[in-house]
Amino acid sequence: MKYEMLSTTKLSIVLLLVSFLFMSGLNRTNVSGNNDQVLHISNELGADAYLQERKSSQLLPLLYKHSPSRNECDLIFSDLLVAIQIGKKPFTVKSEKVDKEISTSCENIKQRGTYSETSRTEIEKNFPLIFIRVVYKAYHVQELLFNLMYAPQNLYCYALDRKSNSVFHEHMKNLSKCFPNVFLTKIEYDVDSAGHNVTRSYLECLNILWKKPAWKYAILLQNDDIPLKNNYEMVQILNALNGSNAINAGRPFLHRLPKNANWSYAALRLYKNSSKNRPDILLQIAKGSSSVILSRSFVEFVMGSLNLSTLIEMFDSKPYGTDEMLFHSLHSDDSLGKFNTNSIMSSEM
C-alpha cells in the first residue's frame, strides 16, 4: 500500500489543525543554587507542607490546585496582563526529590489516575494510535502525561535516555509492567538536547510496534510534549488526514549538514533491496520539527524497505538539530514519495 503525501497547500491547512496537538513546556524548569532541577507548581501551600501532604497520600504533585474554568483559560490566552499575573505566583518542587518519594507499585499508579478498560467511543476503538516518547527525567510528569493521554486501545512506547538516573529507570519500568499496552525499548542510547540518538530511539520503539495489528498512526514525542486535544479529537483529526503524514518540512540549514556529503541512494545504501540503490538519484534533504505524526503505511515502508543506518550516522555527525531531518527527508523526497520537493524547498521554515 502506497503512503500518501500532502501537497504544500493541504499541508498548510492540516498543520493548522495538528501543529497544536502537542506543545513542549509542561516541565518548565529553573536551576536553583545547588543545580537541582525544579518544577513550577501553582499552589497556596508552602513547598515543604505540600510535599509532605502529597507524599502521605501517595499522589503525584499537582500542576494546579484547581481546573481553570473556560473563561479563565480564555483570559489567560487573550489578556497578557492576566497571564503575567497568574505566572508571578509559582513555587517550586524539586523533581528528583519528588520522584524518590513516589511509590510506583501498580496499585498506587492506578489509584492515582483513571485508566479506562474500554474505549470511550466506537471511532476511537477502531482507530488505535501509537504514542512514542523519548524521555529522560521527571517521572511524576511522565505519569501525569500518560494518565492524561491513556486509552486502552492505544499503544505506548518509551525510549529512555541511557544516562537517566536509576530512580527514573525503575519507575518507568514499573509503569510498563502495569499495563499490557506499554512498552520500553531494550536498547537505550545516550540522547541529548542537540538531537543525537533521538531518531535511533524512535526507531527502536517503531521496531517493537510497527507489526502490531490495527493501529493507524504513530505520534513521535519528546519528554515534555503536552497533548492539547483529547484522544477523541485527535482521532477525528487524524482520520481526516486519510493516511497522510503530518510533518512540517522545509529547506535544511546547510551548516547542519556534512560538507561534500554524497546523498545518493547508492552511497546511503538506502534501500534494503540493493538493486534500488541507484547512484544517480540523490535523497532530497529537508528539515522540520522533531515531533511528527506518521501514517501506518509510511512506517511500514520505512521499517520494511529502508536501511537508515548510514543516513542517521551522517545526520548525527553534526553538533545540533540532528533529529530534525530524517523523517522529513524521507517524507519529502520526490523519488521515495512522489512529493513535489520544489514546493518545500521554496518555502521558509
Protein backbone atom coordinates (compact mmCIF):
# COMPACT_ATOMS: atom_id res chain seq x y z
CA MET A 1 0.00 0.00 0.00
CA LYS A 2 1.49 3.29 -1.07
CA TYR A 3 1.61 6.00 1.55
CA GLU A 4 0.08 9.38 0.70
CA MET A 5 1.89 12.71 0.70
CA LEU A 6 0.35 16.11 1.28
CA SER A 7 0.72 18.97 -1.15
CA THR A 8 2.02 22.23 0.28
CA THR A 9 -1.46 23.75 0.31
CA LYS A 10 -3.01 20.75 2.02
CA LEU A 11 -0.09 20.52 4.42
CA SER A 12 -0.56 24.14 5.45
CA ILE A 13 -4.23 23.52 6.22
CA VAL A 14 -3.56 20.31 8.09
CA LEU A 15 -0.80 21.85 10.17
CA LEU A 16 -3.27 24.44 11.40
CA LEU A 17 -5.18 21.51 12.85
CA VAL A 18 -2.31 19.35 14.00
CA SER A 19 0.52 21.68 14.99
CA PHE A 20 -1.14 22.48 18.32
CA LEU A 21 -1.84 18.87 19.26
CA PHE A 22 1.37 18.96 21.23
CA MET A 23 3.39 21.71 22.84
CA SER A 24 6.66 21.38 24.72
CA GLY A 25 6.65 23.09 28.05
CA LEU A 26 4.87 21.20 30.82
CA ASN A 27 8.07 20.63 32.75
CA ARG A 28 9.25 24.26 32.83
CA THR A 29 12.44 24.22 34.86
CA ASN A 30 14.70 26.70 36.58
CA VAL A 31 18.03 25.95 38.19
CA SER A 32 18.37 26.62 41.90
CA GLY A 33 21.60 27.43 43.67
CA ASN A 34 22.56 23.78 44.07
CA ASN A 35 21.69 22.97 40.43
CA ASP A 36 18.60 20.96 41.35
CA GLN A 37 16.00 20.88 38.61
CA VAL A 38 12.72 22.28 39.87
CA LEU A 39 9.16 22.21 38.60
CA HIS A 40 6.89 25.23 38.92
CA ILE A 41 3.63 24.38 40.67
CA SER A 42 0.75 26.77 41.34
CA ASN A 43 -0.48 26.13 44.88
CA GLU A 44 -1.08 28.13 48.05
CA LEU A 45 0.65 25.63 50.35
CA GLY A 46 4.28 26.05 51.26
CA ALA A 47 6.63 23.68 49.43
CA ASP A 48 7.53 21.54 52.47
CA ALA A 49 3.95 21.16 53.67
CA TYR A 50 2.79 20.46 50.14
CA LEU A 51 5.37 17.72 49.60
CA GLN A 52 4.52 16.08 52.92
CA GLU A 53 0.82 16.12 52.13
CA ARG A 54 1.33 14.62 48.67
CA LYS A 55 3.81 12.05 49.97
CA SER A 56 1.46 10.77 52.65
CA SER A 57 -1.35 10.26 50.14
CA GLN A 58 0.95 8.71 47.51
CA LEU A 59 -0.32 11.22 44.96
CA LEU A 60 1.65 12.96 42.27
CA PRO A 61 2.39 16.69 42.56
CA LEU A 62 -0.48 18.74 41.20
CA LEU A 63 0.23 21.13 38.38
CA TYR A 64 -2.57 23.42 39.54
CA LYS A 65 -4.72 23.36 42.64
CA HIS A 66 -7.89 23.51 40.55
CA SER A 67 -9.05 23.12 36.97
CA PRO A 68 -9.39 26.57 35.39
CA SER A 69 -12.80 27.48 34.02
CA ARG A 70 -13.27 28.11 30.32
CA ASN A 71 -13.49 31.85 31.00
CA GLU A 72 -10.23 31.77 32.96
CA CYS A 73 -8.50 29.88 30.17
CA ASP A 74 -9.78 32.36 27.58
CA LEU A 75 -8.47 35.27 29.66
CA ILE A 76 -5.04 33.69 30.01
CA PHE A 77 -4.72 33.46 26.24
CA SER A 78 -6.38 36.76 25.38
CA ASP A 79 -5.19 39.08 28.14
CA LEU A 80 -1.43 39.36 28.61
CA LEU A 81 -1.82 41.10 31.97
CA VAL A 82 -3.89 38.21 33.34
CA ALA A 83 -1.34 35.69 32.09
CA ILE A 84 1.51 37.64 33.69
CA GLN A 85 -0.37 37.95 36.99
CA ILE A 86 -1.03 34.21 37.17
CA GLY A 87 2.56 33.42 36.22
CA LYS A 88 4.02 35.57 39.00
CA LYS A 89 3.00 33.24 41.82
CA PRO A 90 4.65 29.88 41.24
CA PHE A 91 6.56 27.94 43.82
CA THR A 92 8.88 25.08 43.12
CA VAL A 93 9.11 21.38 43.84
CA LYS A 94 12.41 19.58 43.39
CA SER A 95 11.77 16.97 40.71
CA GLU A 96 14.35 14.45 41.88
CA LYS A 97 13.15 14.59 45.49
CA VAL A 98 9.53 14.15 44.41
CA ASP A 99 10.35 11.13 42.26
CA LYS A 100 12.25 9.43 45.09
CA GLU A 101 9.20 9.70 47.35
CA ILE A 102 6.66 8.32 44.86
CA SER A 103 5.52 4.72 45.07
CA THR A 104 5.22 3.10 41.65
CA SER A 105 3.50 -0.10 42.62
CA CYS A 106 0.70 -0.95 40.19
CA GLU A 107 -1.80 -0.37 42.97
CA ASN A 108 -0.55 3.15 43.66
CA ILE A 109 -0.22 4.07 39.98
CA LYS A 110 -3.80 3.03 39.26
CA GLN A 111 -5.11 4.71 42.41
CA ARG A 112 -3.57 7.99 41.30
CA GLY A 113 -5.22 8.04 37.89
CA THR A 114 -8.21 6.95 35.86
CA TYR A 115 -7.43 4.20 33.37
CA SER A 116 -10.46 3.03 31.45
CA GLU A 117 -10.52 -0.61 30.37
CA THR A 118 -12.87 0.07 27.45
CA SER A 119 -12.73 2.55 24.58
CA ARG A 120 -14.83 5.67 25.08
CA THR A 121 -16.30 5.66 21.58
CA GLU A 122 -16.58 3.31 18.63
CA ILE A 123 -14.47 5.55 16.39
CA GLU A 124 -11.66 5.53 18.97
CA LYS A 125 -11.90 1.76 19.33
CA ASN A 126 -11.44 1.35 15.59
CA PHE A 127 -8.65 3.93 15.32
CA PRO A 128 -5.83 2.93 17.70
CA LEU A 129 -2.79 5.17 17.90
CA ILE A 130 0.85 4.62 18.80
CA PHE A 131 2.49 7.16 21.10
CA ILE A 132 6.28 7.08 21.19
CA ARG A 133 8.11 9.28 23.66
CA VAL A 134 11.84 9.77 24.23
CA VAL A 135 12.23 10.57 27.93
CA TYR A 136 14.99 11.29 30.40
CA LYS A 137 13.66 12.88 33.61
CA ALA A 138 10.73 13.82 35.87
CA TYR A 139 8.83 10.53 36.28
CA HIS A 140 5.92 12.28 38.01
CA VAL A 141 5.40 14.37 34.86
CA GLN A 142 5.56 11.27 32.65
CA GLU A 143 2.91 9.51 34.73
CA LEU A 144 0.66 12.58 34.63
CA LEU A 145 1.01 12.79 30.85
CA PHE A 146 0.43 9.06 30.47
CA ASN A 147 -2.75 9.27 32.53
CA LEU A 148 -3.88 12.29 30.53
CA MET A 149 -3.30 10.52 27.20
CA TYR A 150 -4.31 6.98 28.14
CA ALA A 151 -6.78 4.96 26.11
CA PRO A 152 -6.85 1.15 26.27
CA GLN A 153 -6.82 0.63 22.50
CA ASN A 154 -3.63 2.68 22.04
CA LEU A 155 -0.02 1.52 22.27
CA TYR A 156 2.62 3.45 24.23
CA CYS A 157 6.38 3.08 23.93
CA TYR A 158 9.07 4.86 25.92
CA ALA A 159 12.70 5.12 24.86
CA LEU A 160 14.75 6.12 27.91
CA ASP A 161 17.95 8.11 27.81
CA ARG A 162 20.65 5.69 28.92
CA LYS A 163 22.09 8.43 31.16
CA SER A 164 18.87 8.81 33.17
CA ASN A 165 19.20 8.04 36.86
CA SER A 166 18.30 4.68 38.38
CA VAL A 167 15.17 6.02 40.11
CA PHE A 168 13.74 7.22 36.79
CA HIS A 169 14.58 3.90 35.13
CA GLU A 170 12.97 1.91 37.93
CA HIS A 171 9.78 3.98 37.94
CA MET A 172 9.38 3.77 34.15
CA LYS A 173 9.98 0.02 34.29
CA ASN A 174 7.27 -0.35 36.95
CA LEU A 175 4.85 1.74 34.89
CA SER A 176 5.36 -0.50 31.87
CA LYS A 177 4.67 -3.62 33.94
CA CYS A 178 1.26 -2.32 34.99
CA PHE A 179 -0.23 -2.03 31.50
CA PRO A 180 -0.17 -4.57 28.66
CA ASN A 181 -0.09 -1.78 26.06
CA VAL A 182 3.00 -0.01 27.44
CA PHE A 183 6.48 -0.91 26.20
CA LEU A 184 10.06 0.10 26.96
CA THR A 185 12.89 -0.32 24.48
CA LYS A 186 15.50 -2.89 25.42
CA ILE A 187 18.22 -0.90 23.66
CA GLU A 188 18.89 2.57 25.08
CA TYR A 189 21.03 5.38 23.71
CA ASP A 190 22.66 8.48 25.13
CA VAL A 191 20.37 11.25 23.88
CA ASP A 192 20.90 14.98 24.25
CA SER A 193 19.16 18.28 23.60
CA ALA A 194 21.00 18.63 20.28
CA GLY A 195 19.08 15.61 18.99
CA HIS A 196 21.80 12.97 18.93
CA ASN A 197 20.38 9.43 19.02
CA VAL A 198 16.79 10.66 19.21
CA THR A 199 15.87 9.15 15.83
CA ARG A 200 17.59 5.89 16.80
CA SER A 201 15.44 5.85 19.93
CA TYR A 202 12.27 6.44 17.92
CA LEU A 203 13.20 3.62 15.57
CA GLU A 204 13.72 1.24 18.50
CA CYS A 205 10.11 1.84 19.54
CA LEU A 206 8.84 1.56 15.98
CA ASN A 207 10.71 -1.71 15.64
CA ILE A 208 8.77 -3.08 18.62
CA LEU A 209 5.35 -1.88 17.49
CA TRP A 210 5.15 -1.49 13.72
CA LYS A 211 3.89 -5.01 13.07
CA LYS A 212 1.22 -4.85 15.78
CA PRO A 213 -2.29 -5.03 14.33
CA ALA A 214 -4.89 -2.32 13.83
CA TRP A 215 -3.03 0.90 14.73
CA LYS A 216 -3.42 3.80 12.30
CA TYR A 217 -0.85 6.49 13.19
CA ALA A 218 2.38 6.76 15.18
CA ILE A 219 2.90 10.02 17.09
CA LEU A 220 6.52 10.76 17.99
CA LEU A 221 7.08 12.95 21.05
CA GLN A 222 9.75 14.10 23.46
CA ASN A 223 9.97 14.39 27.23
CA ASP A 224 7.76 17.45 27.80
CA ASP A 225 5.30 17.46 24.88
CA ILE A 226 1.74 18.10 26.08
CA PRO A 227 -1.45 16.95 24.34
CA LEU A 228 -3.81 19.84 23.71
CA LYS A 229 -6.55 17.62 22.27
CA ASN A 230 -8.17 14.60 23.87
CA ASN A 231 -7.96 11.20 22.22
CA TYR A 232 -11.35 11.52 20.51
CA GLU A 233 -10.39 14.88 18.98
CA MET A 234 -7.04 13.54 17.79
CA VAL A 235 -8.72 10.55 16.17
CA GLN A 236 -11.13 12.85 14.34
CA ILE A 237 -8.28 15.00 13.02
CA LEU A 238 -6.09 12.07 12.01
CA ASN A 239 -8.98 10.25 10.39
CA ALA A 240 -9.48 13.33 8.21
CA LEU A 241 -5.86 13.05 7.03
CA ASN A 242 -6.85 9.82 5.26
CA GLY A 243 -3.45 8.14 5.58
CA SER A 244 -1.28 11.23 5.02
CA ASN A 245 1.59 12.16 7.30
CA ALA A 246 1.60 15.32 9.39
CA ILE A 247 5.17 16.59 9.05
CA ASN A 248 6.28 20.17 8.67
CA ALA A 249 9.24 20.30 6.32
CA GLY A 250 11.33 22.97 4.66
CA ARG A 251 14.83 23.72 3.49
CA PRO A 252 17.59 22.40 5.76
CA PHE A 253 20.24 24.59 7.37
CA LEU A 254 23.34 23.89 5.31
CA HIS A 255 25.67 24.27 8.30
CA ARG A 256 23.89 21.31 9.92
CA LEU A 257 24.79 19.02 7.02
CA PRO A 258 28.15 17.30 6.47
CA LYS A 259 30.19 19.09 3.84
CA ASN A 260 30.66 17.36 0.49
CA ALA A 261 28.37 14.53 1.57
CA ASN A 262 27.19 12.04 -1.04
CA TRP A 263 23.41 11.83 -0.70
CA SER A 264 22.88 9.28 -3.47
CA TYR A 265 20.77 6.24 -2.72
CA ALA A 266 23.82 4.11 -3.51
CA ALA A 267 26.14 5.92 -1.09
CA LEU A 268 23.49 5.85 1.64
CA ARG A 269 22.64 2.19 0.94
CA LEU A 270 19.12 3.48 1.48
CA TYR A 271 17.10 0.50 0.31
CA LYS A 272 17.42 -2.96 1.78
CA ASN A 273 16.94 -4.15 -1.81
CA SER A 274 20.31 -3.08 -3.22
CA SER A 275 19.02 -3.04 -6.80
CA LYS A 276 17.10 0.15 -5.94
CA ASN A 277 20.17 1.99 -4.65
CA ARG A 278 20.92 3.98 -7.78
CA PRO A 279 23.94 6.30 -7.78
CA ASP A 280 22.18 8.85 -9.98
CA ILE A 281 19.32 9.57 -7.54
CA LEU A 282 20.01 11.89 -4.61
CA LEU A 283 17.95 12.00 -1.44
CA GLN A 284 16.36 15.43 -1.05
CA ILE A 285 17.19 16.63 2.48
CA ALA A 286 14.51 18.54 4.39
CA LYS A 287 14.19 19.84 7.95
CA GLY A 288 11.33 20.37 10.38
CA SER A 289 10.07 19.82 13.91
CA SER A 290 11.35 16.70 15.64
CA SER A 291 7.82 15.73 16.71
CA VAL A 292 5.93 14.20 13.79
CA ILE A 293 2.84 12.12 13.07
CA LEU A 294 3.41 9.15 10.75
CA SER A 295 0.81 7.07 8.96
CA ARG A 296 0.94 3.31 9.27
CA SER A 297 1.70 2.83 5.57
CA PHE A 298 4.63 5.26 5.79
CA VAL A 299 6.02 3.48 8.87
CA GLU A 300 5.65 0.10 7.16
CA PHE A 301 7.54 1.44 4.14
CA VAL A 302 10.33 2.90 6.28
CA MET A 303 10.72 -0.12 8.55
CA GLY A 304 10.20 -2.75 5.88
CA SER A 305 12.08 -1.32 2.90
CA LEU A 306 14.75 1.12 4.06
CA ASN A 307 18.15 0.87 5.71
CA LEU A 308 18.66 4.09 7.65
CA SER A 309 21.96 3.39 9.41
CA THR A 310 24.21 5.42 7.13
CA LEU A 311 21.77 8.32 6.88
CA ILE A 312 21.40 8.59 10.66
CA GLU A 313 25.18 8.45 11.14
CA MET A 314 25.60 11.34 8.71
CA PHE A 315 22.97 13.46 10.47
CA ASP A 316 24.32 12.62 13.93
CA SER A 317 27.85 13.62 12.91
CA LYS A 318 26.85 17.29 13.19
CA PRO A 319 26.58 19.15 16.53
CA TYR A 320 22.94 20.29 16.53
CA GLY A 321 19.44 19.61 15.19
CA THR A 322 20.26 16.06 14.22
CA ASP A 323 16.75 14.77 14.97
CA GLU A 324 15.00 17.25 12.67
CA MET A 325 15.80 15.77 9.25
CA LEU A 326 15.32 12.01 8.99
CA PHE A 327 11.56 11.56 8.63
CA HIS A 328 11.24 14.95 6.98
CA SER A 329 13.66 13.98 4.20
CA LEU A 330 12.03 10.60 3.64
CA HIS A 331 8.62 12.26 3.58
CA SER A 332 9.70 14.97 1.14
CA ASP A 333 11.85 13.09 -1.36
CA ASP A 334 10.48 13.06 -4.92
CA SER A 335 11.60 9.54 -5.75
CA LEU A 336 10.52 7.95 -2.48
CA GLY A 337 7.11 9.52 -2.10
CA LYS A 338 6.40 11.34 -5.36
CA PHE A 339 6.23 14.54 -3.37
CA ASN A 340 6.79 17.89 -5.04
CA THR A 341 10.07 18.82 -3.38
CA ASN A 342 10.21 22.16 -5.18
CA SER A 343 7.25 23.39 -3.14
CA ILE A 344 9.10 22.55 0.08
CA MET A 345 12.45 23.99 -0.90
CA SER A 346 10.84 27.26 -1.95
CA SER A 347 9.29 27.72 1.50
CA GLU A 348 10.88 29.15 4.63
CA MET A 349 10.86 27.25 7.91
